[in-house]
All heavy atoms as atom14 arrays in JSON, in Angstrom:
{
  "sequence": "FYHFIDMDQGLRYRDVELSTIDTALLMAGVLTVGEYFDQDDPVEEEIR",
  "atom14_mask": [
    [1, 1, 1, 1, 1, 1, 1, 1, 1, 1, 1, 0, 0, 0],
    [1, 1, 1, 1, 1, 1, 1, 1, 1, 1, 1, 1, 0, 0],
    [1, 1, 1, 1, 1, 1, 1, 1, 1, 1, 0, 0, 0, 0],
    [1, 1, 1, 1, 1, 1, 1, 1, 1, 1, 1, 0, 0, 0],
    [1, 1, 1, 1, 1, 1, 1, 1, 0, 0, 0, 0, 0, 0],
    [1, 1, 1, 1, 1, 1, 1, 1, 0, 0, 0, 0, 0, 0],
    [1, 1, 1, 1, 1, 1, 1, 1, 0, 0, 0, 0, 0, 0],
    [1, 1, 1, 1, 1, 1, 1, 1, 0, 0, 0, 0, 0, 0],
    [1, 1, 1, 1, 1, 1, 1, 1, 1, 0, 0, 0, 0, 0],
    [1, 1, 1, 1, 0, 0, 0, 0, 0, 0, 0, 0, 0, 0],
    [1, 1, 1, 1, 1, 1, 1, 1, 0, 0, 0, 0, 0, 0],
    [1, 1, 1, 1, 1, 1, 1, 1, 1, 1, 1, 0, 0, 0],
    [1, 1, 1, 1, 1, 1, 1, 1, 1, 1, 1, 1, 0, 0],
    [1, 1, 1, 1, 1, 1, 1, 1, 1, 1, 1, 0, 0, 0],
    [1, 1, 1, 1, 1, 1, 1, 1, 0, 0, 0, 0, 0, 0],
    [1, 1, 1, 1, 1, 1, 1, 0, 0, 0, 0, 0, 0, 0],
    [1, 1, 1, 1, 1, 1, 1, 1, 1, 0, 0, 0, 0, 0],
    [1, 1, 1, 1, 1, 1, 1, 1, 0, 0, 0, 0, 0, 0],
    [1, 1, 1, 1, 1, 1, 0, 0, 0, 0, 0, 0, 0, 0],
    [1, 1, 1, 1, 1, 1, 1, 0, 0, 0, 0, 0, 0, 0],
    [1, 1, 1, 1, 1, 1, 1, 1, 0, 0, 0, 0, 0, 0],
    [1, 1, 1, 1, 1, 1, 1, 1, 0, 0, 0, 0, 0, 0],
    [1, 1, 1, 1, 1, 1, 1, 0, 0, 0, 0, 0, 0, 0],
    [1, 1, 1, 1, 1, 0, 0, 0, 0, 0, 0, 0, 0, 0],
    [1, 1, 1, 1, 1, 1, 1, 1, 0, 0, 0, 0, 0, 0],
    [1, 1, 1, 1, 1, 1, 1, 1, 0, 0, 0, 0, 0, 0],
    [1, 1, 1, 1, 1, 1, 1, 1, 0, 0, 0, 0, 0, 0],
    [1, 1, 1, 1, 1, 0, 0, 0, 0, 0, 0, 0, 0, 0],
    [1, 1, 1, 1, 0, 0, 0, 0, 0, 0, 0, 0, 0, 0],
    [1, 1, 1, 1, 1, 1, 1, 0, 0, 0, 0, 0, 0, 0],
    [1, 1, 1, 1, 1, 1, 1, 1, 0, 0, 0, 0, 0, 0],
    [1, 1, 1, 1, 1, 1, 1, 0, 0, 0, 0, 0, 0, 0],
    [1, 1, 1, 1, 1, 1, 1, 0, 0, 0, 0, 0, 0, 0],
    [1, 1, 1, 1, 0, 0, 0, 0, 0, 0, 0, 0, 0, 0],
    [1, 1, 1, 1, 1, 1, 1, 1, 1, 0, 0, 0, 0, 0],
    [1, 1, 1, 1, 1, 1, 1, 1, 1, 1, 1, 1, 0, 0],
    [1, 1, 1, 1, 1, 1, 1, 1, 1, 1, 1, 0, 0, 0],
    [1, 1, 1, 1, 1, 1, 1, 1, 0, 0, 0, 0, 0, 0],
    [1, 1, 1, 1, 1, 1, 1, 1, 1, 0, 0, 0, 0, 0],
    [1, 1, 1, 1, 1, 1, 1, 1, 0, 0, 0, 0, 0, 0],
    [1, 1, 1, 1, 1, 1, 1, 1, 0, 0, 0, 0, 0, 0],
    [1, 1, 1, 1, 1, 1, 1, 0, 0, 0, 0, 0, 0, 0],
    [1, 1, 1, 1, 1, 1, 1, 0, 0, 0, 0, 0, 0, 0],
    [1, 1, 1, 1, 1, 1, 1, 1, 1, 0, 0, 0, 0, 0],
    [1, 1, 1, 1, 1, 1, 1, 1, 1, 0, 0, 0, 0, 0],
    [1, 1, 1, 1, 1, 1, 1, 1, 1, 0, 0, 0, 0, 0],
    [1, 1, 1, 1, 1, 1, 1, 1, 0, 0, 0, 0, 0, 0],
    [1, 1, 1, 1, 1, 1, 1, 1, 1, 1, 1, 0, 0, 0]
  ],
  "atom14_positions": [
    [[110.03, 56.13, 126.63], [109.22, 55.65, 125.58], [108.55, 54.36, 126.02], [108.99, 53.6, 126.77], [110.01, 55.45, 124.25], [110.51, 56.72, 123.71], [111.84, 57.17, 124.03], [109.73, 57.52, 122.89], [112.32, 58.38, 123.5], [110.21, 58.7, 122.38], [111.5, 59.16, 122.66], [0.0, 0.0, 0.0], [0.0, 0.0, 0.0], [0.0, 0.0, 0.0]],
    [[107.38, 54.13, 125.32], [106.64, 52.85, 125.61], [107.41, 51.68, 125.08], [108.05, 51.82, 123.94], [105.21, 52.9, 125.11], [104.32, 53.78, 125.92], [103.98, 55.06, 125.5], [103.86, 53.36, 127.13], [103.19, 55.89, 126.3], [103.13, 54.16, 127.96], [102.75, 55.42, 127.51], [101.98, 56.21, 128.36], [0.0, 0.0, 0.0], [0.0, 0.0, 0.0]],
    [[107.39, 50.6, 125.74], [108.07, 49.36, 125.39], [107.74, 48.96, 124.0], [108.73, 48.67, 123.26], [107.59, 48.29, 126.43], [108.4, 46.97, 126.31], [108.22, 45.96, 127.29], [109.21, 46.52, 125.44], [108.99, 44.93, 126.93], [109.64, 45.28, 125.86], [0.0, 0.0, 0.0], [0.0, 0.0, 0.0], [0.0, 0.0, 0.0], [0.0, 0.0, 0.0]],
    [[106.53, 48.85, 123.59], [106.17, 48.52, 122.24], [105.32, 49.64, 121.68], [104.56, 50.27, 122.39], [105.31, 47.23, 122.17], [106.03, 46.04, 122.71], [105.46, 45.17, 123.62], [107.27, 45.67, 122.27], [106.07, 44.06, 124.15], [107.97, 44.54, 122.71], [107.36, 43.71, 123.65], [0.0, 0.0, 0.0], [0.0, 0.0, 0.0], [0.0, 0.0, 0.0]],
    [[105.61, 50.0, 120.41], [104.8, 50.97, 119.64], [104.52, 50.42, 118.3], [105.23, 49.56, 117.76], [105.63, 52.34, 119.53], [106.97, 52.11, 118.94], [105.72, 52.97, 120.89], [107.86, 53.37, 118.86], [0.0, 0.0, 0.0], [0.0, 0.0, 0.0], [0.0, 0.0, 0.0], [0.0, 0.0, 0.0], [0.0, 0.0, 0.0], [0.0, 0.0, 0.0]],
    [[103.43, 51.0, 117.65], [103.05, 50.34, 116.39], [104.05, 50.79, 115.32], [104.75, 51.83, 115.41], [101.63, 50.84, 115.98], [101.53, 52.21, 115.49], [101.84, 52.41, 114.25], [101.19, 53.13, 116.29], [0.0, 0.0, 0.0], [0.0, 0.0, 0.0], [0.0, 0.0, 0.0], [0.0, 0.0, 0.0], [0.0, 0.0, 0.0], [0.0, 0.0, 0.0]],
    [[104.2, 49.91, 114.31], [105.3, 50.06, 113.3], [105.16, 51.25, 112.41], [106.12, 51.77, 111.93], [105.34, 48.82, 112.44], [105.98, 47.59, 113.05], [107.75, 47.74, 113.25], [108.35, 47.83, 111.54], [0.0, 0.0, 0.0], [0.0, 0.0, 0.0], [0.0, 0.0, 0.0], [0.0, 0.0, 0.0], [0.0, 0.0, 0.0], [0.0, 0.0, 0.0]],
    [[103.93, 51.82, 112.29], [103.77, 52.86, 111.32], [103.77, 54.24, 111.94], [104.54, 55.1, 111.64], [102.51, 52.62, 110.5], [102.52, 51.39, 109.64], [103.56, 51.16, 109.03], [101.52, 50.65, 109.63], [0.0, 0.0, 0.0], [0.0, 0.0, 0.0], [0.0, 0.0, 0.0], [0.0, 0.0, 0.0], [0.0, 0.0, 0.0], [0.0, 0.0, 0.0]],
    [[102.75, 54.45, 112.89], [102.75, 55.77, 113.58], [103.64, 55.85, 114.71], [103.96, 56.98, 115.24], [101.25, 56.04, 113.95], [100.27, 56.21, 112.79], [98.91, 56.48, 113.25], [98.24, 55.69, 113.83], [98.45, 57.74, 113.01], [0.0, 0.0, 0.0], [0.0, 0.0, 0.0], [0.0, 0.0, 0.0], [0.0, 0.0, 0.0], [0.0, 0.0, 0.0]],
    [[103.96, 54.71, 115.33], [104.85, 54.78, 116.49], [104.15, 55.14, 117.82], [104.81, 55.65, 118.71], [0.0, 0.0, 0.0], [0.0, 0.0, 0.0], [0.0, 0.0, 0.0], [0.0, 0.0, 0.0], [0.0, 0.0, 0.0], [0.0, 0.0, 0.0], [0.0, 0.0, 0.0], [0.0, 0.0, 0.0], [0.0, 0.0, 0.0], [0.0, 0.0, 0.0]],
    [[102.86, 54.85, 117.88], [102.15, 55.17, 119.11], [102.05, 53.96, 120.03], [102.25, 52.86, 119.62], [100.67, 55.67, 118.75], [100.58, 56.91, 117.83], [99.17, 57.19, 117.52], [101.31, 58.06, 118.4], [0.0, 0.0, 0.0], [0.0, 0.0, 0.0], [0.0, 0.0, 0.0], [0.0, 0.0, 0.0], [0.0, 0.0, 0.0], [0.0, 0.0, 0.0]],
    [[101.77, 54.25, 121.3], [101.74, 53.17, 122.31], [100.93, 52.01, 121.87], [99.8, 52.16, 121.33], [101.14, 53.78, 123.59], [101.04, 52.68, 124.74], [100.23, 53.32, 125.92], [100.29, 52.36, 127.08], [99.38, 52.46, 128.06], [98.43, 53.35, 128.04], [99.44, 51.6, 129.08], [0.0, 0.0, 0.0], [0.0, 0.0, 0.0], [0.0, 0.0, 0.0]],
    [[101.43, 50.84, 122.0], [100.76, 49.6, 121.56], [99.93, 49.07, 122.71], [100.42, 48.76, 123.82], [101.75, 48.54, 121.08], [101.09, 47.26, 120.62], [100.48, 47.18, 119.37], [101.06, 46.17, 121.44], [99.92, 46.07, 118.92], [100.47, 44.98, 120.99], [99.9, 44.94, 119.81], [99.29, 43.79, 119.3], [0.0, 0.0, 0.0], [0.0, 0.0, 0.0]],
    [[98.62, 49.11, 122.59], [97.66, 48.61, 123.59], [97.97, 49.29, 124.94], [98.02, 50.47, 125.05], [97.68, 47.05, 123.65], [97.18, 46.46, 122.34], [97.12, 44.96, 122.42], [96.57, 44.41, 121.17], [96.45, 43.08, 120.93], [96.83, 42.21, 121.9], [95.96, 42.61, 119.79], [0.0, 0.0, 0.0], [0.0, 0.0, 0.0], [0.0, 0.0, 0.0]],
    [[98.19, 48.46, 126.03], [98.33, 48.99, 127.38], [99.76, 48.76, 127.92], [99.95, 48.63, 129.09], [97.28, 48.51, 128.31], [97.33, 46.91, 128.43], [98.12, 46.31, 127.66], [96.62, 46.38, 129.35], [0.0, 0.0, 0.0], [0.0, 0.0, 0.0], [0.0, 0.0, 0.0], [0.0, 0.0, 0.0], [0.0, 0.0, 0.0], [0.0, 0.0, 0.0]],
    [[100.76, 48.67, 127.06], [102.15, 48.41, 127.55], [102.64, 49.56, 128.37], [102.14, 50.67, 128.32], [103.05, 48.15, 126.32], [102.66, 46.97, 125.53], [103.25, 49.38, 125.44], [0.0, 0.0, 0.0], [0.0, 0.0, 0.0], [0.0, 0.0, 0.0], [0.0, 0.0, 0.0], [0.0, 0.0, 0.0], [0.0, 0.0, 0.0], [0.0, 0.0, 0.0]],
    [[103.7, 49.24, 129.03], [104.3, 50.17, 130.02], [105.28, 51.13, 129.43], [105.94, 50.9, 128.4], [105.01, 49.37, 131.17], [106.39, 48.88, 130.82], [106.47, 47.69, 129.9], [105.42, 47.29, 129.33], [107.54, 47.08, 129.75], [0.0, 0.0, 0.0], [0.0, 0.0, 0.0], [0.0, 0.0, 0.0], [0.0, 0.0, 0.0], [0.0, 0.0, 0.0]],
    [[105.44, 52.27, 130.07], [106.59, 53.15, 129.83], [107.71, 52.47, 130.44], [107.7, 52.27, 131.68], [106.26, 54.54, 130.45], [107.1, 55.75, 129.92], [106.65, 56.15, 128.57], [106.88, 56.95, 130.93], [0.0, 0.0, 0.0], [0.0, 0.0, 0.0], [0.0, 0.0, 0.0], [0.0, 0.0, 0.0], [0.0, 0.0, 0.0], [0.0, 0.0, 0.0]],
    [[108.81, 52.12, 129.71], [109.79, 51.2, 130.17], [111.17, 51.9, 130.38], [111.73, 52.45, 129.46], [109.93, 50.04, 129.2], [111.03, 49.2, 129.61], [0.0, 0.0, 0.0], [0.0, 0.0, 0.0], [0.0, 0.0, 0.0], [0.0, 0.0, 0.0], [0.0, 0.0, 0.0], [0.0, 0.0, 0.0], [0.0, 0.0, 0.0], [0.0, 0.0, 0.0]],
    [[111.7, 51.69, 131.59], [112.99, 52.3, 131.86], [114.13, 51.49, 131.1], [115.03, 52.11, 130.54], [113.32, 52.37, 133.36], [113.08, 51.02, 133.94], [112.41, 53.4, 134.01], [0.0, 0.0, 0.0], [0.0, 0.0, 0.0], [0.0, 0.0, 0.0], [0.0, 0.0, 0.0], [0.0, 0.0, 0.0], [0.0, 0.0, 0.0], [0.0, 0.0, 0.0]],
    [[114.15, 50.2, 131.21], [115.23, 49.44, 130.63], [115.18, 49.52, 129.1], [116.26, 49.68, 128.44], [115.19, 47.98, 131.08], [116.5, 47.21, 130.53], [113.97, 47.2, 130.67], [117.8, 47.85, 130.92], [0.0, 0.0, 0.0], [0.0, 0.0, 0.0], [0.0, 0.0, 0.0], [0.0, 0.0, 0.0], [0.0, 0.0, 0.0], [0.0, 0.0, 0.0]],
    [[113.98, 49.49, 128.52], [113.89, 49.58, 127.02], [114.27, 50.93, 126.56], [114.91, 51.07, 125.52], [112.5, 49.17, 126.64], [112.25, 47.69, 126.9], [112.71, 46.84, 126.08], [111.59, 47.43, 127.91], [0.0, 0.0, 0.0], [0.0, 0.0, 0.0], [0.0, 0.0, 0.0], [0.0, 0.0, 0.0], [0.0, 0.0, 0.0], [0.0, 0.0, 0.0]],
    [[113.94, 51.91, 127.32], [114.37, 53.3, 126.99], [115.95, 53.37, 127.06], [116.58, 54.06, 126.2], [113.72, 54.35, 127.87], [112.3, 54.35, 127.63], [114.22, 55.76, 127.55], [0.0, 0.0, 0.0], [0.0, 0.0, 0.0], [0.0, 0.0, 0.0], [0.0, 0.0, 0.0], [0.0, 0.0, 0.0], [0.0, 0.0, 0.0], [0.0, 0.0, 0.0]],
    [[116.48, 52.78, 128.13], [117.95, 52.84, 128.25], [118.59, 52.14, 127.05], [119.67, 52.6, 126.59], [118.33, 52.13, 129.53], [0.0, 0.0, 0.0], [0.0, 0.0, 0.0], [0.0, 0.0, 0.0], [0.0, 0.0, 0.0], [0.0, 0.0, 0.0], [0.0, 0.0, 0.0], [0.0, 0.0, 0.0], [0.0, 0.0, 0.0], [0.0, 0.0, 0.0]],
    [[118.15, 50.96, 126.6], [118.66, 50.28, 125.46], [118.51, 51.14, 124.2], [119.43, 51.22, 123.39], [118.02, 48.91, 125.29], [118.29, 47.93, 126.51], [117.38, 46.69, 126.24], [119.7, 47.51, 126.52], [0.0, 0.0, 0.0], [0.0, 0.0, 0.0], [0.0, 0.0, 0.0], [0.0, 0.0, 0.0], [0.0, 0.0, 0.0], [0.0, 0.0, 0.0]],
    [[117.32, 51.82, 124.09], [117.24, 52.73, 122.96], [118.27, 53.86, 123.06], [118.9, 54.18, 122.02], [115.8, 53.33, 122.99], [115.57, 54.49, 121.94], [115.77, 54.03, 120.52], [114.16, 54.99, 122.19], [0.0, 0.0, 0.0], [0.0, 0.0, 0.0], [0.0, 0.0, 0.0], [0.0, 0.0, 0.0], [0.0, 0.0, 0.0], [0.0, 0.0, 0.0]],
    [[118.48, 54.49, 124.2], [119.37, 55.54, 124.36], [120.84, 55.14, 124.15], [121.65, 55.9, 123.7], [119.25, 56.17, 125.71], [117.96, 56.93, 125.91], [117.83, 58.35, 124.67], [116.1, 58.2, 124.28], [0.0, 0.0, 0.0], [0.0, 0.0, 0.0], [0.0, 0.0, 0.0], [0.0, 0.0, 0.0], [0.0, 0.0, 0.0], [0.0, 0.0, 0.0]],
    [[121.16, 53.83, 124.47], [122.49, 53.38, 124.26], [122.76, 53.36, 122.76], [123.88, 53.79, 122.27], [122.68, 51.96, 124.81], [0.0, 0.0, 0.0], [0.0, 0.0, 0.0], [0.0, 0.0, 0.0], [0.0, 0.0, 0.0], [0.0, 0.0, 0.0], [0.0, 0.0, 0.0], [0.0, 0.0, 0.0], [0.0, 0.0, 0.0], [0.0, 0.0, 0.0]],
    [[121.74, 52.96, 121.96], [121.9, 53.04, 120.5], [121.99, 54.51, 120.01], [122.75, 54.81, 119.09], [0.0, 0.0, 0.0], [0.0, 0.0, 0.0], [0.0, 0.0, 0.0], [0.0, 0.0, 0.0], [0.0, 0.0, 0.0], [0.0, 0.0, 0.0], [0.0, 0.0, 0.0], [0.0, 0.0, 0.0], [0.0, 0.0, 0.0], [0.0, 0.0, 0.0]],
    [[121.18, 55.35, 120.61], [121.17, 56.79, 120.22], [122.48, 57.41, 120.4], [123.07, 58.08, 119.58], [120.0, 57.56, 121.02], [120.28, 59.03, 120.9], [118.65, 57.12, 120.49], [0.0, 0.0, 0.0], [0.0, 0.0, 0.0], [0.0, 0.0, 0.0], [0.0, 0.0, 0.0], [0.0, 0.0, 0.0], [0.0, 0.0, 0.0], [0.0, 0.0, 0.0]],
    [[123.19, 57.11, 121.59], [124.43, 57.69, 121.92], [125.51, 57.06, 121.04], [126.5, 57.72, 120.66], [124.81, 57.5, 123.37], [123.91, 58.22, 124.37], [124.34, 57.91, 125.79], [123.94, 59.74, 124.12], [0.0, 0.0, 0.0], [0.0, 0.0, 0.0], [0.0, 0.0, 0.0], [0.0, 0.0, 0.0], [0.0, 0.0, 0.0], [0.0, 0.0, 0.0]],
    [[125.32, 55.81, 120.63], [126.33, 55.17, 119.74], [126.41, 55.86, 118.4], [127.46, 56.22, 117.97], [125.96, 53.66, 119.52], [125.97, 53.0, 120.76], [126.99, 53.07, 118.56], [0.0, 0.0, 0.0], [0.0, 0.0, 0.0], [0.0, 0.0, 0.0], [0.0, 0.0, 0.0], [0.0, 0.0, 0.0], [0.0, 0.0, 0.0], [0.0, 0.0, 0.0]],
    [[125.25, 56.13, 117.82], [125.3, 56.83, 116.5], [125.72, 58.22, 116.65], [126.38, 58.88, 115.72], [123.92, 56.75, 115.75], [123.72, 55.31, 115.32], [122.79, 57.31, 116.56], [0.0, 0.0, 0.0], [0.0, 0.0, 0.0], [0.0, 0.0, 0.0], [0.0, 0.0, 0.0], [0.0, 0.0, 0.0], [0.0, 0.0, 0.0], [0.0, 0.0, 0.0]],
    [[125.43, 58.9, 117.84], [125.93, 60.2, 118.11], [127.44, 60.29, 118.21], [128.04, 61.3, 117.7], [0.0, 0.0, 0.0], [0.0, 0.0, 0.0], [0.0, 0.0, 0.0], [0.0, 0.0, 0.0], [0.0, 0.0, 0.0], [0.0, 0.0, 0.0], [0.0, 0.0, 0.0], [0.0, 0.0, 0.0], [0.0, 0.0, 0.0], [0.0, 0.0, 0.0]],
    [[128.08, 59.26, 118.59], [129.6, 59.2, 118.6], [130.09, 58.89, 117.22], [131.14, 59.39, 116.75], [130.11, 58.18, 119.56], [129.78, 58.53, 121.08], [130.64, 59.77, 121.47], [131.65, 60.0, 120.85], [130.2, 60.43, 122.41], [0.0, 0.0, 0.0], [0.0, 0.0, 0.0], [0.0, 0.0, 0.0], [0.0, 0.0, 0.0], [0.0, 0.0, 0.0]],
    [[129.41, 57.97, 116.48], [129.95, 57.44, 115.19], [129.92, 58.5, 114.09], [130.85, 58.66, 113.37], [129.18, 56.18, 114.79], [129.75, 55.63, 113.46], [130.93, 54.95, 113.41], [129.0, 55.82, 112.28], [131.47, 54.4, 112.24], [129.49, 55.26, 111.11], [130.73, 54.6, 111.1], [131.18, 54.06, 109.9], [0.0, 0.0, 0.0], [0.0, 0.0, 0.0]],
    [[128.79, 59.22, 114.05], [128.63, 60.18, 112.95], [129.25, 61.49, 113.37], [128.57, 62.41, 113.84], [127.18, 60.36, 112.52], [126.64, 59.09, 111.85], [125.81, 58.19, 112.54], [126.96, 58.83, 110.48], [125.28, 57.09, 111.89], [126.49, 57.65, 109.89], [125.65, 56.83, 110.59], [0.0, 0.0, 0.0], [0.0, 0.0, 0.0], [0.0, 0.0, 0.0]],
    [[130.55, 61.59, 113.17], [131.35, 62.74, 113.7], [131.87, 63.61, 112.66], [132.73, 64.47, 112.9], [132.57, 62.12, 114.53], [133.46, 61.29, 113.69], [133.2, 61.0, 112.54], [134.47, 60.84, 114.3], [0.0, 0.0, 0.0], [0.0, 0.0, 0.0], [0.0, 0.0, 0.0], [0.0, 0.0, 0.0], [0.0, 0.0, 0.0], [0.0, 0.0, 0.0]],
    [[131.42, 63.49, 111.38], [131.99, 64.31, 110.36], [131.36, 65.7, 110.29], [130.31, 65.96, 110.77], [131.83, 63.55, 108.97], [132.59, 62.3, 108.83], [132.42, 61.63, 107.48], [131.69, 62.1, 106.63], [133.14, 60.55, 107.26], [0.0, 0.0, 0.0], [0.0, 0.0, 0.0], [0.0, 0.0, 0.0], [0.0, 0.0, 0.0], [0.0, 0.0, 0.0]],
    [[132.15, 66.63, 109.6], [131.69, 67.97, 109.4], [130.75, 67.98, 108.28], [131.14, 68.31, 107.12], [132.85, 68.86, 109.25], [132.45, 70.31, 109.08], [131.29, 70.68, 109.39], [133.28, 71.15, 108.58], [0.0, 0.0, 0.0], [0.0, 0.0, 0.0], [0.0, 0.0, 0.0], [0.0, 0.0, 0.0], [0.0, 0.0, 0.0], [0.0, 0.0, 0.0]],
    [[129.51, 67.57, 108.5], [128.52, 67.38, 107.5], [127.16, 67.71, 108.07], [126.81, 67.37, 109.28], [128.51, 65.87, 106.98], [127.32, 65.58, 106.08], [126.23, 65.22, 106.59], [127.5, 65.75, 104.89], [0.0, 0.0, 0.0], [0.0, 0.0, 0.0], [0.0, 0.0, 0.0], [0.0, 0.0, 0.0], [0.0, 0.0, 0.0], [0.0, 0.0, 0.0]],
    [[126.23, 68.5, 107.43], [125.02, 68.85, 107.99], [124.15, 67.74, 108.58], [123.51, 67.9, 109.57], [124.28, 69.66, 106.8], [125.42, 70.06, 105.93], [126.48, 68.99, 106.05], [0.0, 0.0, 0.0], [0.0, 0.0, 0.0], [0.0, 0.0, 0.0], [0.0, 0.0, 0.0], [0.0, 0.0, 0.0], [0.0, 0.0, 0.0], [0.0, 0.0, 0.0]],
    [[124.13, 66.62, 107.79], [123.32, 65.44, 108.25], [123.91, 64.91, 109.59], [123.19, 64.62, 110.45], [123.23, 64.36, 107.18], [122.51, 63.18, 107.71], [122.49, 64.9, 105.94], [0.0, 0.0, 0.0], [0.0, 0.0, 0.0], [0.0, 0.0, 0.0], [0.0, 0.0, 0.0], [0.0, 0.0, 0.0], [0.0, 0.0, 0.0], [0.0, 0.0, 0.0]],
    [[125.21, 64.75, 109.58], [125.82, 64.17, 110.73], [125.87, 65.1, 111.9], [125.68, 64.67, 113.04], [127.22, 63.7, 110.41], [127.25, 62.66, 109.3], [128.55, 61.77, 109.23], [129.38, 61.85, 110.19], [128.7, 61.1, 108.28], [0.0, 0.0, 0.0], [0.0, 0.0, 0.0], [0.0, 0.0, 0.0], [0.0, 0.0, 0.0], [0.0, 0.0, 0.0]],
    [[125.85, 66.42, 111.6], [125.65, 67.39, 112.75], [124.35, 67.31, 113.33], [124.18, 67.35, 114.59], [125.95, 68.82, 112.21], [127.42, 69.1, 111.91], [127.62, 70.37, 111.16], [126.63, 71.14, 110.98], [128.83, 70.79, 110.88], [0.0, 0.0, 0.0], [0.0, 0.0, 0.0], [0.0, 0.0, 0.0], [0.0, 0.0, 0.0], [0.0, 0.0, 0.0]],
    [[123.29, 67.15, 112.51], [121.92, 66.99, 113.09], [121.79, 65.68, 113.84], [121.12, 65.69, 114.9], [120.91, 67.04, 111.9], [119.47, 67.05, 112.39], [118.42, 67.19, 111.32], [118.81, 67.42, 110.17], [117.2, 67.04, 111.66], [0.0, 0.0, 0.0], [0.0, 0.0, 0.0], [0.0, 0.0, 0.0], [0.0, 0.0, 0.0], [0.0, 0.0, 0.0]],
    [[122.4, 64.64, 113.37], [122.36, 63.35, 114.11], [122.93, 63.52, 115.5], [122.36, 63.17, 116.5], [123.14, 62.3, 113.34], [122.3, 61.77, 112.12], [123.43, 61.07, 114.3], [123.08, 60.85, 111.25], [0.0, 0.0, 0.0], [0.0, 0.0, 0.0], [0.0, 0.0, 0.0], [0.0, 0.0, 0.0], [0.0, 0.0, 0.0], [0.0, 0.0, 0.0]],
    [[124.12, 64.23, 115.6], [124.71, 64.46, 116.94], [123.88, 65.3, 117.8], [123.67, 64.99, 118.98], [126.1, 65.07, 116.74], [127.15, 64.22, 116.02], [128.51, 64.73, 116.2], [128.75, 66.03, 115.55], [129.1, 66.19, 114.23], [129.21, 65.15, 113.47], [129.35, 67.39, 113.82], [0.0, 0.0, 0.0], [0.0, 0.0, 0.0], [0.0, 0.0, 0.0]]
  ]
}
């Protein structure tokens, strides 16, 4: 994902880079919630 994206549509902001470290920090959060929401519930199953 691009380093910065606009707050509403989430599209690339100006000419910023596709960022490896910022994507990694995003994915760290993504995997965190994937581990936390572990209940037998349709919403939590979709999160995982």
